Amino acid sequence: MPSYVAGIRLLPNAVTVLALCAGLSAVQFALAGRFELCVAAVGAAALCDALDGGLARLLDASSKIGAELDSLSDLVSFGVAPALVFYIWQLGGNRFGWIVALIFAVCMALRLARFNSVLEDTYRPPYAKEFFVGVPAPAAALVSGVPLYLWLHFGPGWWSTPLTIGLWVLVVAGLMVSRIPTLSLKAVRVSPRLIVPLLVLVGLAAAVLLTAPFLGLTVVALGYLVLMPYTVYRHHWLSRHPEAWNVPVRQRRAVARAARSTRRLGLRPPLRRRVAGSASAVARVVRRRGFEDRLEARNGQSGLAITTTPDATEPGQRARRRLGLRRR
């Protein structure tokens, strides 16, 4: 029985090691000039990275060493390996090529360090688990390879010049360390009505990736970037509507429709604490009396007595007399 448990705990870590080996193999393929195999190796690393976490949760085999190993594997597979591939491909003969490669790898390390620190934050709002802060590591490796995909599909062009590649890699590096919220696919829930159309789209995407893989990867990467403004809007909407935080994703549309209907009808939220004129004094007195009543009831249980000064209630009494209110 102990050997069986040890084998289960070993399986997710073994998948993580395979991801690390795939990322390092991309560098070896780049040195051999087989850049299409570089893309395949990084894709295999991304697939293993998606599997190891799911296996650890499914088998209840999560561990501290597994989390640290996963971060190191992501740094090598999606940070160091793509940077070296770009440097070997086109940036090696440029003065600033190595600087671009270093910036990309450093931004990947910073992004992973921030991700690990955010996981330990227990004060995040409930909706925060649906988003990443910045572009995650596998998505950054996918998006950064757009110039290489176009070069492999169409051949040399303006997209394969060192200047274009350097600027594109720097933009992706900036997105990694930015505070822009990006969608977490783990939190995506699909309506039962959309399952069949989405399965058809998945089949179409698989056909495109099999017939024109590099063009399909370009479309997927650009589609991910196009989706980012919607993700920012969704994050902003959730931050402004606490009533939808604990509501299932399928029911948030009803909350959004109710909010739009309220604005359309011109309804206002309840009055807030700050009011104008003499009523503000009455509001302060009411809040003060409520606080004193609660404090008196609390201290009455412990045998303490609470006394109030006449100066504290004098403004409230003047305001009551001005408004014609009587004290009970």
C-alpha atoms as a PDB file:
ATOM      1  CA  MET A   1       0.000   0.000   0.000  1.00  0.00           C
ATOM      2  CA  PRO A   2       2.744   2.600   0.750  1.00  0.00           C
ATOM      3  CA  SER A   3       4.349   1.940  -2.652  1.00  0.00           C
ATOM      4  CA  TYR A   4       1.005   2.608  -4.352  1.00  0.00           C
ATOM      5  CA  VAL A   5       0.654   5.970  -2.592  1.00  0.00           C
ATOM      6  CA  ALA A   6       4.238   6.878  -3.488  1.00  0.00           C
ATOM      7  CA  GLY A   7       3.562   6.011  -7.113  1.00  0.00           C
ATOM      8  CA  ILE A   8       0.517   8.268  -7.175  1.00  0.00           C
ATOM      9  CA  ARG A   9       2.495  11.158  -5.693  1.00  0.00           C
ATOM     10  CA  LEU A  10       5.271  10.605  -8.231  1.00  0.00           C
ATOM     11  CA  LEU A  11       3.022  10.814 -11.298  1.00  0.00           C
ATOM     12  CA  PRO A  12       2.270  14.595 -11.317  1.00  0.00           C
ATOM     13  CA  ASN A  13       5.928  15.415 -10.654  1.00  0.00           C
ATOM     14  CA  ALA A  14       6.968  13.091 -13.469  1.00  0.00           C
ATOM     15  CA  VAL A  15       4.684  14.979 -15.869  1.00  0.00           C
ATOM     16  CA  THR A  16       6.243  18.256 -14.686  1.00  0.00           C
ATOM     17  CA  VAL A  17       9.721  16.879 -15.399  1.00  0.00           C
ATOM     18  CA  LEU A  18       8.559  15.896 -18.898  1.00  0.00           C
ATOM     19  CA  ALA A  19       7.450  19.499 -19.441  1.00  0.00           C
ATOM     20  CA  LEU A  20      10.898  20.689 -18.351  1.00  0.00           C
ATOM     21  CA  CYS A  21      12.597  18.267 -20.760  1.00  0.00           C
ATOM     22  CA  ALA A  22      10.347  19.395 -23.613  1.00  0.00           C
ATOM     23  CA  GLY A  23      11.207  23.034 -22.998  1.00  0.00           C
ATOM     24  CA  LEU A  24      14.929  22.317 -22.977  1.00  0.00           C
ATOM     25  CA  SER A  25      14.573  20.241 -26.143  1.00  0.00           C
ATOM     26  CA  ALA A  26      13.234  23.337 -27.917  1.00  0.00           C
ATOM     27  CA  VAL A  27      16.652  24.963 -27.463  1.00  0.00           C
ATOM     28  CA  GLN A  28      18.391  21.916 -28.917  1.00  0.00           C
ATOM     29  CA  PHE A  29      16.056  21.944 -31.944  1.00  0.00           C
ATOM     30  CA  ALA A  30      16.784  25.654 -32.450  1.00  0.00           C
ATOM     31  CA  LEU A  31      20.531  24.949 -32.484  1.00  0.00           C
ATOM     32  CA  ALA A  32      19.886  22.334 -35.174  1.00  0.00           C
ATOM     33  CA  GLY A  33      17.785  24.756 -37.244  1.00  0.00           C
ATOM     34  CA  ARG A  34      14.535  22.761 -36.793  1.00  0.00           C
ATOM     35  CA  PHE A  35      12.320  25.618 -35.670  1.00  0.00           C
ATOM     36  CA  GLU A  36       9.099  23.774 -36.435  1.00  0.00           C
ATOM     37  CA  LEU A  37      10.156  21.219 -33.824  1.00  0.00           C
ATOM     38  CA  CYS A  38      10.797  24.080 -31.405  1.00  0.00           C
ATOM     39  CA  VAL A  39       7.131  25.027 -31.645  1.00  0.00           C
ATOM     40  CA  ALA A  40       6.111  21.396 -31.129  1.00  0.00           C
ATOM     41  CA  ALA A  41       8.370  21.061 -28.079  1.00  0.00           C
ATOM     42  CA  VAL A  42       6.986  24.195 -26.406  1.00  0.00           C
ATOM     43  CA  GLY A  43       3.457  22.985 -27.218  1.00  0.00           C
ATOM     44  CA  ALA A  44       4.218  19.631 -25.573  1.00  0.00           C
ATOM     45  CA  ALA A  45       5.520  21.488 -22.516  1.00  0.00           C
ATOM     46  CA  ALA A  46       2.274  23.495 -22.356  1.00  0.00           C
ATOM     47  CA  LEU A  47       0.234  20.280 -22.586  1.00  0.00           C
ATOM     48  CA  CYS A  48       2.204  18.686 -19.749  1.00  0.00           C
ATOM     49  CA  ASP A  49       1.858  21.859 -17.694  1.00  0.00           C
ATOM     50  CA  ALA A  50      -1.921  21.685 -18.089  1.00  0.00           C
ATOM     51  CA  LEU A  51      -1.974  18.015 -17.047  1.00  0.00           C
ATOM     52  CA  ASP A  52       0.271  17.982 -13.984  1.00  0.00           C
ATOM     53  CA  GLY A  53      -1.899  20.307 -11.904  1.00  0.00           C
ATOM     54  CA  GLY A  54      -5.071  18.432 -12.813  1.00  0.00           C
ATOM     55  CA  LEU A  55      -3.458  15.114 -11.951  1.00  0.00           C
ATOM     56  CA  ALA A  56      -2.238  16.437  -8.611  1.00  0.00           C
ATOM     57  CA  ARG A  57      -5.739  17.609  -7.674  1.00  0.00           C
ATOM     58  CA  LEU A  58      -7.415  14.468  -9.010  1.00  0.00           C
ATOM     59  CA  LEU A  59      -5.100  12.099  -7.157  1.00  0.00           C
ATOM     60  CA  ASP A  60      -4.843  14.331  -4.071  1.00  0.00           C
ATOM     61  CA  ALA A  61      -1.084  14.354  -4.556  1.00  0.00           C
ATOM     62  CA  SER A  62      -0.359  18.060  -4.196  1.00  0.00           C
ATOM     63  CA  SER A  63       2.897  18.860  -2.423  1.00  0.00           C
ATOM     64  CA  LYS A  64       5.216  21.779  -1.780  1.00  0.00           C
ATOM     65  CA  ILE A  65       7.985  20.279  -3.905  1.00  0.00           C
ATOM     66  CA  GLY A  66       5.519  19.791  -6.750  1.00  0.00           C
ATOM     67  CA  ALA A  67       4.517  23.467  -6.686  1.00  0.00           C
ATOM     68  CA  GLU A  68       8.141  24.633  -6.661  1.00  0.00           C
ATOM     69  CA  LEU A  69       9.072  22.214  -9.438  1.00  0.00           C
ATOM     70  CA  ASP A  70       6.156  23.418 -11.540  1.00  0.00           C
ATOM     71  CA  SER A  71       7.305  27.050 -11.244  1.00  0.00           C
ATOM     72  CA  LEU A  72      10.872  26.166 -12.212  1.00  0.00           C
ATOM     73  CA  SER A  73       9.625  24.116 -15.153  1.00  0.00           C
ATOM     74  CA  ASP A  74       7.456  27.010 -16.360  1.00  0.00           C
ATOM     75  CA  LEU A  75      10.400  29.393 -16.132  1.00  0.00           C
ATOM     76  CA  VAL A  76      12.584  27.170 -18.283  1.00  0.00           C
ATOM     77  CA  SER A  77       9.940  25.966 -20.753  1.00  0.00           C
ATOM     78  CA  PHE A  78       8.077  29.238 -21.331  1.00  0.00           C
ATOM     79  CA  GLY A  79      10.694  31.843 -20.403  1.00  0.00           C
ATOM     80  CA  VAL A  80      14.253  30.723 -21.027  1.00  0.00           C
ATOM     81  CA  ALA A  81      13.573  28.368 -23.948  1.00  0.00           C
ATOM     82  CA  PRO A  82      11.540  30.832 -26.104  1.00  0.00           C
ATOM     83  CA  ALA A  83      14.046  33.614 -25.397  1.00  0.00           C
ATOM     84  CA  LEU A  84      16.938  31.433 -26.583  1.00  0.00           C
ATOM     85  CA  VAL A  85      14.947  30.265 -29.617  1.00  0.00           C
ATOM     86  CA  PHE A  86      14.321  33.871 -30.682  1.00  0.00           C
ATOM     87  CA  TYR A  87      17.970  34.737 -30.115  1.00  0.00           C
ATOM     88  CA  ILE A  88      19.190  31.795 -32.190  1.00  0.00           C
ATOM     89  CA  TRP A  89      16.600  32.426 -34.905  1.00  0.00           C
ATOM     90  CA  GLN A  90      16.911  36.144 -35.685  1.00  0.00           C
ATOM     91  CA  LEU A  91      18.157  38.187 -32.725  1.00  0.00           C
ATOM     92  CA  GLY A  92      21.663  36.757 -32.528  1.00  0.00           C
ATOM     93  CA  GLY A  93      23.182  39.127 -35.089  1.00  0.00           C
ATOM     94  CA  ASN A  94      21.653  42.247 -33.519  1.00  0.00           C
ATOM     95  CA  ARG A  95      23.278  44.359 -30.810  1.00  0.00           C
ATOM     96  CA  PHE A  96      20.144  44.449 -28.674  1.00  0.00           C
ATOM     97  CA  GLY A  97      19.023  40.875 -29.369  1.00  0.00           C
ATOM     98  CA  TRP A  98      20.492  39.455 -26.177  1.00  0.00           C
ATOM     99  CA  ILE A  99      18.970  42.297 -24.148  1.00  0.00           C
ATOM    100  CA  VAL A 100      15.527  41.428 -25.527  1.00  0.00           C
ATOM    101  CA  ALA A 101      16.056  37.756 -24.640  1.00  0.00           C
ATOM    102  CA  LEU A 102      17.139  38.666 -21.107  1.00  0.00           C
ATOM    103  CA  ILE A 103      14.156  40.967 -20.581  1.00  0.00           C
ATOM    104  CA  PHE A 104      11.726  38.274 -21.678  1.00  0.00           C
ATOM    105  CA  ALA A 105      13.247  35.655 -19.338  1.00  0.00           C
ATOM    106  CA  VAL A 106      13.379  38.084 -16.392  1.00  0.00           C
ATOM    107  CA  CYS A 107       9.751  39.150 -16.916  1.00  0.00           C
ATOM    108  CA  MET A 108       8.738  35.500 -16.942  1.00  0.00           C
ATOM    109  CA  ALA A 109      10.521  34.957 -13.614  1.00  0.00           C
ATOM    110  CA  LEU A 110       8.832  38.030 -12.110  1.00  0.00           C
ATOM    111  CA  ARG A 111       5.436  36.916 -13.392  1.00  0.00           C
ATOM    112  CA  LEU A 112       5.798  33.457 -11.812  1.00  0.00           C
ATOM    113  CA  ALA A 113       7.059  34.929  -8.527  1.00  0.00           C
ATOM    114  CA  ARG A 114       4.015  37.220  -8.360  1.00  0.00           C
ATOM    115  CA  PHE A 115       1.700  34.325  -9.209  1.00  0.00           C
ATOM    116  CA  ASN A 116       3.077  32.258  -6.315  1.00  0.00           C
ATOM    117  CA  SER A 117       2.715  35.181  -3.911  1.00  0.00           C
ATOM    118  CA  VAL A 118      -0.886  35.841  -4.986  1.00  0.00           C
ATOM    119  CA  LEU A 119      -1.810  32.220  -4.237  1.00  0.00           C
ATOM    120  CA  GLU A 120      -0.966  32.803  -0.565  1.00  0.00           C
ATOM    121  CA  ASP A 121      -3.151  35.918  -0.343  1.00  0.00           C
ATOM    122  CA  THR A 122      -6.260  35.066   1.670  1.00  0.00           C
ATOM    123  CA  TYR A 123      -7.888  38.516   1.323  1.00  0.00           C
ATOM    124  CA  ARG A 124      -8.689  38.357  -2.364  1.00  0.00           C
ATOM    125  CA  PRO A 125     -12.333  38.859  -3.426  1.00  0.00           C
ATOM    126  CA  PRO A 126     -14.228  35.727  -4.466  1.00  0.00           C
ATOM    127  CA  TYR A 127     -14.181  36.617  -8.163  1.00  0.00           C
ATOM    128  CA  ALA A 128     -10.366  36.913  -8.255  1.00  0.00           C
ATOM    129  CA  LYS A 129      -9.965  33.167  -8.843  1.00  0.00           C
ATOM    130  CA  GLU A 130     -11.550  33.599 -12.273  1.00  0.00           C
ATOM    131  CA  PHE A 131      -8.716  35.827 -13.496  1.00  0.00           C
ATOM    132  CA  PHE A 132      -4.951  35.916 -13.765  1.00  0.00           C
ATOM    133  CA  VAL A 133      -2.936  39.046 -13.098  1.00  0.00           C
ATOM    134  CA  GLY A 134      -1.085  39.561 -16.363  1.00  0.00           C
ATOM    135  CA  VAL A 135      -0.683  37.058 -19.167  1.00  0.00           C
ATOM    136  CA  PRO A 136       0.090  33.554 -17.783  1.00  0.00           C
ATOM    137  CA  ALA A 137       3.295  31.743 -18.724  1.00  0.00           C
ATOM    138  CA  PRO A 138       1.981  29.251 -21.346  1.00  0.00           C
ATOM    139  CA  ALA A 139      -0.126  31.938 -23.040  1.00  0.00           C
ATOM    140  CA  ALA A 140       2.873  34.286 -23.123  1.00  0.00           C
ATOM    141  CA  ALA A 141       4.985  31.632 -24.834  1.00  0.00           C
ATOM    142  CA  LEU A 142       2.162  31.035 -27.345  1.00  0.00           C
ATOM    143  CA  VAL A 143       1.652  34.722 -28.143  1.00  0.00           C
ATOM    144  CA  SER A 144       5.356  35.544 -28.359  1.00  0.00           C
ATOM    145  CA  GLY A 145       5.805  32.988 -31.125  1.00  0.00           C
ATOM    146  CA  VAL A 146       3.513  34.745 -33.632  1.00  0.00           C
ATOM    147  CA  PRO A 147       6.427  36.073 -35.783  1.00  0.00           C
ATOM    148  CA  LEU A 148       7.913  32.562 -35.883  1.00  0.00           C
ATOM    149  CA  TYR A 149       4.558  31.033 -36.876  1.00  0.00           C
ATOM    150  CA  LEU A 150       4.158  33.521 -39.735  1.00  0.00           C
ATOM    151  CA  TRP A 151       7.731  32.874 -40.901  1.00  0.00           C
ATOM    152  CA  LEU A 152       7.156  29.117 -40.928  1.00  0.00           C
ATOM    153  CA  HIS A 153       3.881  29.476 -42.861  1.00  0.00           C
ATOM    154  CA  PHE A 154       4.471  32.387 -45.251  1.00  0.00           C
ATOM    155  CA  GLY A 155       8.249  32.602 -45.342  1.00  0.00           C
ATOM    156  CA  PRO A 156      10.386  35.716 -44.733  1.00  0.00           C
ATOM    157  CA  GLY A 157       8.644  39.093 -44.483  1.00  0.00           C
ATOM    158  CA  TRP A 158       8.345  42.180 -42.359  1.00  0.00           C
ATOM    159  CA  TRP A 159       7.127  39.971 -39.508  1.00  0.00           C
ATOM    160  CA  SER A 160      10.481  38.154 -39.392  1.00  0.00           C
ATOM    161  CA  THR A 161      12.767  41.201 -39.209  1.00  0.00           C
ATOM    162  CA  PRO A 162      14.809  41.581 -35.982  1.00  0.00           C
ATOM    163  CA  LEU A 163      13.147  44.915 -35.176  1.00  0.00           C
ATOM    164  CA  THR A 164       9.632  43.472 -35.416  1.00  0.00           C
ATOM    165  CA  ILE A 165      10.553  40.387 -33.413  1.00  0.00           C
ATOM    166  CA  GLY A 166      12.273  42.432 -30.711  1.00  0.00           C
ATOM    167  CA  LEU A 167       9.362  44.842 -30.314  1.00  0.00           C
ATOM    168  CA  TRP A 168       6.818  42.020 -30.267  1.00  0.00           C
ATOM    169  CA  VAL A 169       8.745  40.072 -27.628  1.00  0.00           C
ATOM    170  CA  LEU A 170       9.054  43.198 -25.470  1.00  0.00           C
ATOM    171  CA  VAL A 171       5.306  43.844 -25.746  1.00  0.00           C
ATOM    172  CA  VAL A 172       4.533  40.293 -24.611  1.00  0.00           C
ATOM    173  CA  ALA A 173       7.041  40.629 -21.765  1.00  0.00           C
ATOM    174  CA  GLY A 174       5.261  43.809 -20.657  1.00  0.00           C
ATOM    175  CA  LEU A 175       1.894  42.043 -20.727  1.00  0.00           C
ATOM    176  CA  MET A 176       3.285  39.319 -18.455  1.00  0.00           C
ATOM    177  CA  VAL A 177       4.260  41.714 -15.672  1.00  0.00           C
ATOM    178  CA  SER A 178       1.309  44.072 -16.164  1.00  0.00           C
ATOM    179  CA  ARG A 179      -1.732  44.288 -13.879  1.00  0.00           C
ATOM    180  CA  ILE A 180      -4.137  43.568 -16.731  1.00  0.00           C
ATOM    181  CA  PRO A 181      -6.622  40.842 -15.720  1.00  0.00           C
ATOM    182  CA  THR A 182      -6.732  37.873 -18.062  1.00  0.00           C
ATOM    183  CA  LEU A 183      -9.272  35.086 -18.134  1.00  0.00           C
ATOM    184  CA  SER A 184      -8.532  31.802 -16.393  1.00  0.00           C
ATOM    185  CA  LEU A 185      -9.781  28.902 -18.481  1.00  0.00           C
ATOM    186  CA  LYS A 186     -10.176  26.807 -15.330  1.00  0.00           C
ATOM    187  CA  ALA A 187     -13.068  29.022 -14.222  1.00  0.00           C
ATOM    188  CA  VAL A 188     -14.902  29.091 -17.566  1.00  0.00           C
ATOM    189  CA  ARG A 189     -18.367  27.528 -17.405  1.00  0.00           C
ATOM    190  CA  VAL A 190     -20.313  26.820 -20.586  1.00  0.00           C
ATOM    191  CA  SER A 191     -24.096  26.859 -20.865  1.00  0.00           C
ATOM    192  CA  PRO A 192     -25.636  23.529 -21.937  1.00  0.00           C
ATOM    193  CA  ARG A 193     -27.064  25.256 -25.007  1.00  0.00           C
ATOM    194  CA  LEU A 194     -23.588  26.161 -26.230  1.00  0.00           C
ATOM    195  CA  ILE A 195     -21.938  22.763 -25.771  1.00  0.00           C
ATOM    196  CA  VAL A 196     -22.724  21.473 -29.263  1.00  0.00           C
ATOM    197  CA  PRO A 197     -21.640  24.658 -31.125  1.00  0.00           C
ATOM    198  CA  LEU A 198     -18.438  24.796 -29.095  1.00  0.00           C
ATOM    199  CA  LEU A 199     -17.661  21.166 -29.866  1.00  0.00           C
ATOM    200  CA  VAL A 200     -18.090  21.972 -33.548  1.00  0.00           C
ATOM    201  CA  LEU A 201     -15.649  24.878 -33.151  1.00  0.00           C
ATOM    202  CA  VAL A 202     -13.184  22.582 -31.390  1.00  0.00           C
ATOM    203  CA  GLY A 203     -13.376  20.147 -34.300  1.00  0.00           C
ATOM    204  CA  LEU A 204     -12.863  22.995 -36.765  1.00  0.00           C
ATOM    205  CA  ALA A 205      -9.861  24.249 -34.793  1.00  0.00           C
ATOM    206  CA  ALA A 206      -8.374  20.752 -34.743  1.00  0.00           C
ATOM    207  CA  ALA A 207      -8.802  20.498 -38.528  1.00  0.00           C
ATOM    208  CA  VAL A 208      -7.080  23.868 -39.029  1.00  0.00           C
ATOM    209  CA  LEU A 209      -4.214  22.888 -36.727  1.00  0.00           C
ATOM    210  CA  LEU A 210      -3.711  19.640 -38.637  1.00  0.00           C
ATOM    211  CA  THR A 211      -3.792  21.183 -42.113  1.00  0.00           C
ATOM    212  CA  ALA A 212      -2.134  24.559 -41.395  1.00  0.00           C
ATOM    213  CA  PRO A 213      -0.739  24.321 -37.845  1.00  0.00           C
ATOM    214  CA  PHE A 214       1.298  27.523 -37.788  1.00  0.00           C
ATOM    215  CA  LEU A 215      -1.494  29.624 -39.272  1.00  0.00           C
ATOM    216  CA  GLY A 216      -3.889  28.112 -36.739  1.00  0.00           C
ATOM    217  CA  LEU A 217      -1.533  28.957 -33.877  1.00  0.00           C
ATOM    218  CA  THR A 218      -1.372  32.530 -35.147  1.00  0.00           C
ATOM    219  CA  VAL A 219      -5.160  32.804 -35.158  1.00  0.00           C
ATOM    220  CA  VAL A 220      -5.394  31.353 -31.638  1.00  0.00           C
ATOM    221  CA  ALA A 221      -2.721  33.734 -30.290  1.00  0.00           C
ATOM    222  CA  LEU A 222      -4.305  36.808 -31.866  1.00  0.00           C
ATOM    223  CA  GLY A 223      -7.753  35.688 -30.700  1.00  0.00           C
ATOM    224  CA  TYR A 224      -6.413  35.511 -27.152  1.00  0.00           C
ATOM    225  CA  LEU A 225      -5.223  39.111 -27.420  1.00  0.00           C
ATOM    226  CA  VAL A 226      -8.564  40.228 -28.873  1.00  0.00           C
ATOM    227  CA  LEU A 227     -10.343  38.626 -25.891  1.00  0.00           C
ATOM    228  CA  MET A 228      -8.392  40.704 -23.366  1.00  0.00           C
ATOM    229  CA  PRO A 229     -10.578  43.882 -23.549  1.00  0.00           C
ATOM    230  CA  TYR A 230     -13.649  41.789 -22.726  1.00  0.00           C
ATOM    231  CA  THR A 231     -11.790  40.248 -19.788  1.00  0.00           C
ATOM    232  CA  VAL A 232     -10.883  43.704 -18.483  1.00  0.00           C
ATOM    233  CA  TYR A 233     -14.534  44.791 -18.794  1.00  0.00           C
ATOM    234  CA  ARG A 234     -15.750  41.674 -16.989  1.00  0.00           C
ATOM    235  CA  HIS A 235     -13.255  42.158 -14.159  1.00  0.00           C
ATOM    236  CA  HIS A 236     -14.267  45.815 -13.812  1.00  0.00           C
ATOM    237  CA  TRP A 237     -17.972  44.912 -13.792  1.00  0.00           C
ATOM    238  CA  LEU A 238     -17.509  42.293 -11.068  1.00  0.00           C
ATOM    239  CA  SER A 239     -15.501  44.696  -8.922  1.00  0.00           C
ATOM    240  CA  ARG A 240     -18.426  47.167  -9.048  1.00  0.00           C
ATOM    241  CA  HIS A 241     -21.168  44.593  -8.340  1.00  0.00           C
ATOM    242  CA  PRO A 242     -20.519  42.743  -5.075  1.00  0.00           C
ATOM    243  CA  GLU A 243     -23.988  41.202  -5.286  1.00  0.00           C
ATOM    244  CA  ALA A 244     -22.707  39.000  -8.138  1.00  0.00           C
ATOM    245  CA  TRP A 245     -19.569  37.727  -6.400  1.00  0.00           C
ATOM    246  CA  ASN A 246     -21.127  34.636  -4.880  1.00  0.00           C
ATOM    247  CA  VAL A 247     -23.601  34.078  -7.715  1.00  0.00           C
ATOM    248  CA  PRO A 248     -22.905  31.209 -10.129  1.00  0.00           C
ATOM    249  CA  VAL A 249     -21.606  32.285 -13.517  1.00  0.00           C
ATOM    250  CA  ARG A 250     -24.770  31.143 -15.271  1.00  0.00           C
ATOM    251  CA  GLN A 251     -26.921  33.437 -13.105  1.00  0.00           C
ATOM    252  CA  ARG A 252     -24.800  36.572 -13.479  1.00  0.00           C
ATOM    253  CA  ARG A 253     -26.619  37.490 -16.668  1.00  0.00           C
ATOM    254  CA  ALA A 254     -29.791  37.937 -14.640  1.00  0.00           C
ATOM    255  CA  VAL A 255     -27.915  40.233 -12.220  1.00  0.00           C
ATOM    256  CA  ALA A 256     -26.551  42.243 -15.140  1.00  0.00           C
ATOM    257  CA  ARG A 257     -30.020  42.544 -16.713  1.00  0.00           C
ATOM    258  CA  ALA A 258     -31.466  43.699 -13.395  1.00  0.00           C
ATOM    259  CA  ALA A 259     -28.744  46.342 -13.063  1.00  0.00           C
ATOM    260  CA  ARG A 260     -29.396  47.598 -16.604  1.00  0.00           C
ATOM    261  CA  SER A 261     -33.145  47.722 -15.950  1.00  0.00           C
ATOM    262  CA  THR A 262     -32.566  49.749 -12.796  1.00  0.00           C
ATOM    263  CA  ARG A 263     -30.485  52.296 -14.675  1.00  0.00           C
ATOM    264  CA  ARG A 264     -32.983  52.404 -17.537  1.00  0.00           C
ATOM    265  CA  LEU A 265     -35.895  53.114 -15.186  1.00  0.00           C
ATOM    266  CA  GLY A 266     -33.935  55.845 -13.429  1.00  0.00           C
ATOM    267  CA  LEU A 267     -34.112  54.185 -10.021  1.00  0.00           C
ATOM    268  CA  ARG A 268     -31.650  55.385  -7.429  1.00  0.00           C
ATOM    269  CA  PRO A 269     -29.925  53.382  -4.729  1.00  0.00           C
ATOM    270  CA  PRO A 270     -30.944  53.979  -1.091  1.00  0.00           C
ATOM    271  CA  LEU A 271     -29.774  57.186   0.585  1.00  0.00           C
ATOM    272  CA  ARG A 272     -26.255  57.074   1.855  1.00  0.00           C
ATOM    273  CA  ARG A 273     -24.931  58.339   5.144  1.00  0.00           C
ATOM    274  CA  ARG A 274     -24.102  61.809   3.855  1.00  0.00           C
ATOM    275  CA  VAL A 275     -27.176  64.075   3.558  1.00  0.00           C
ATOM    276  CA  ALA A 276     -27.426  67.829   3.176  1.00  0.00           C
ATOM    277  CA  GLY A 277     -28.695  70.632   5.408  1.00  0.00           C
ATOM    278  CA  SER A 278     -30.059  70.253   8.899  1.00  0.00           C
ATOM    279  CA  ALA A 279     -30.933  66.649   8.244  1.00  0.00           C
ATOM    280  CA  SER A 280     -27.213  65.838   8.403  1.00  0.00           C
ATOM    281  CA  ALA A 281     -27.144  66.811  12.090  1.00  0.00           C
ATOM    282  CA  VAL A 282     -30.131  64.576  12.789  1.00  0.00           C
ATOM    283  CA  ALA A 283     -28.447  61.748  10.930  1.00  0.00           C
ATOM    284  CA  ARG A 284     -25.298  62.189  13.015  1.00  0.00           C
ATOM    285  CA  VAL A 285     -27.349  62.167  16.225  1.00  0.00           C
ATOM    286  CA  VAL A 286     -29.215  59.037  15.180  1.00  0.00           C
ATOM    287  CA  ARG A 287     -25.970  57.267  14.396  1.00  0.00           C
ATOM    288  CA  ARG A 288     -24.425  58.481  17.687  1.00  0.00           C
ATOM    289  CA  ARG A 289     -27.428  57.308  19.724  1.00  0.00           C
ATOM    290  CA  GLY A 290     -27.362  53.943  18.009  1.00  0.00           C
ATOM    291  CA  PHE A 291     -23.672  53.577  18.770  1.00  0.00           C
ATOM    292  CA  GLU A 292     -24.177  54.617  22.419  1.00  0.00           C
ATOM    293  CA  ASP A 293     -27.070  52.175  22.818  1.00  0.00           C
ATOM    294  CA  ARG A 294     -24.970  49.314  21.486  1.00  0.00           C
ATOM    295  CA  LEU A 295     -22.027  50.317  23.665  1.00  0.00           C
ATOM    296  CA  GLU A 296     -24.256  50.610  26.746  1.00  0.00           C
ATOM    297  CA  ALA A 297     -25.804  47.205  26.108  1.00  0.00           C
ATOM    298  CA  ARG A 298     -22.368  45.633  25.635  1.00  0.00           C
ATOM    299  CA  ASN A 299     -20.872  47.186  28.752  1.00  0.00           C
ATOM    300  CA  GLY A 300     -23.998  46.562  30.747  1.00  0.00           C
ATOM    301  CA  GLN A 301     -23.321  42.863  30.445  1.00  0.00           C
ATOM    302  CA  SER A 302     -19.846  43.374  31.910  1.00  0.00           C
ATOM    303  CA  GLY A 303     -21.046  45.657  34.745  1.00  0.00           C
ATOM    304  CA  LEU A 304     -19.635  48.923  33.362  1.00  0.00           C
ATOM    305  CA  ALA A 305     -21.511  52.223  33.126  1.00  0.00           C
ATOM    306  CA  ILE A 306     -21.459  54.610  30.192  1.00  0.00           C
ATOM    307  CA  THR A 307     -21.944  58.314  30.604  1.00  0.00           C
ATOM    308  CA  THR A 308     -22.339  60.847  27.841  1.00  0.00           C
ATOM    309  CA  THR A 309     -21.427  64.495  28.013  1.00  0.00           C
ATOM    310  CA  PRO A 310     -24.041  67.184  27.333  1.00  0.00           C
ATOM    311  CA  ASP A 311     -21.823  68.705  24.661  1.00  0.00           C
ATOM    312  CA  ALA A 312     -22.079  65.536  22.558  1.00  0.00           C
ATOM    313  CA  THR A 313     -25.886  65.737  22.321  1.00  0.00           C
ATOM    314  CA  GLU A 314     -26.350  69.519  22.322  1.00  0.00           C
ATOM    315  CA  PRO A 315     -25.980  69.954  18.500  1.00  0.00           C
ATOM    316  CA  GLY A 316     -28.460  67.173  17.970  1.00  0.00           C
ATOM    317  CA  GLN A 317     -30.992  68.787  20.336  1.00  0.00           C
ATOM    318  CA  ARG A 318     -30.687  72.116  18.519  1.00  0.00           C
ATOM    319  CA  ALA A 319     -31.226  70.365  15.215  1.00  0.00           C
ATOM    320  CA  ARG A 320     -34.312  68.577  16.574  1.00  0.00           C
ATOM    321  CA  ARG A 321     -35.802  71.848  17.855  1.00  0.00           C
ATOM    322  CA  ARG A 322     -35.051  73.536  14.519  1.00  0.00           C
ATOM    323  CA  LEU A 323     -36.876  70.780  12.632  1.00  0.00           C
ATOM    324  CA  GLY A 324     -39.741  70.617  15.129  1.00  0.00           C
ATOM    325  CA  LEU A 325     -38.899  67.104  16.307  1.00  0.00           C
ATOM    326  CA  ARG A 326     -39.635  65.962  19.822  1.00  0.00           C
ATOM    327  CA  ARG A 327     -37.495  63.667  21.898  1.00  0.00           C
ATOM    328  CA  ARG A 328     -39.170  60.468  22.899  1.00  0.00           C
END
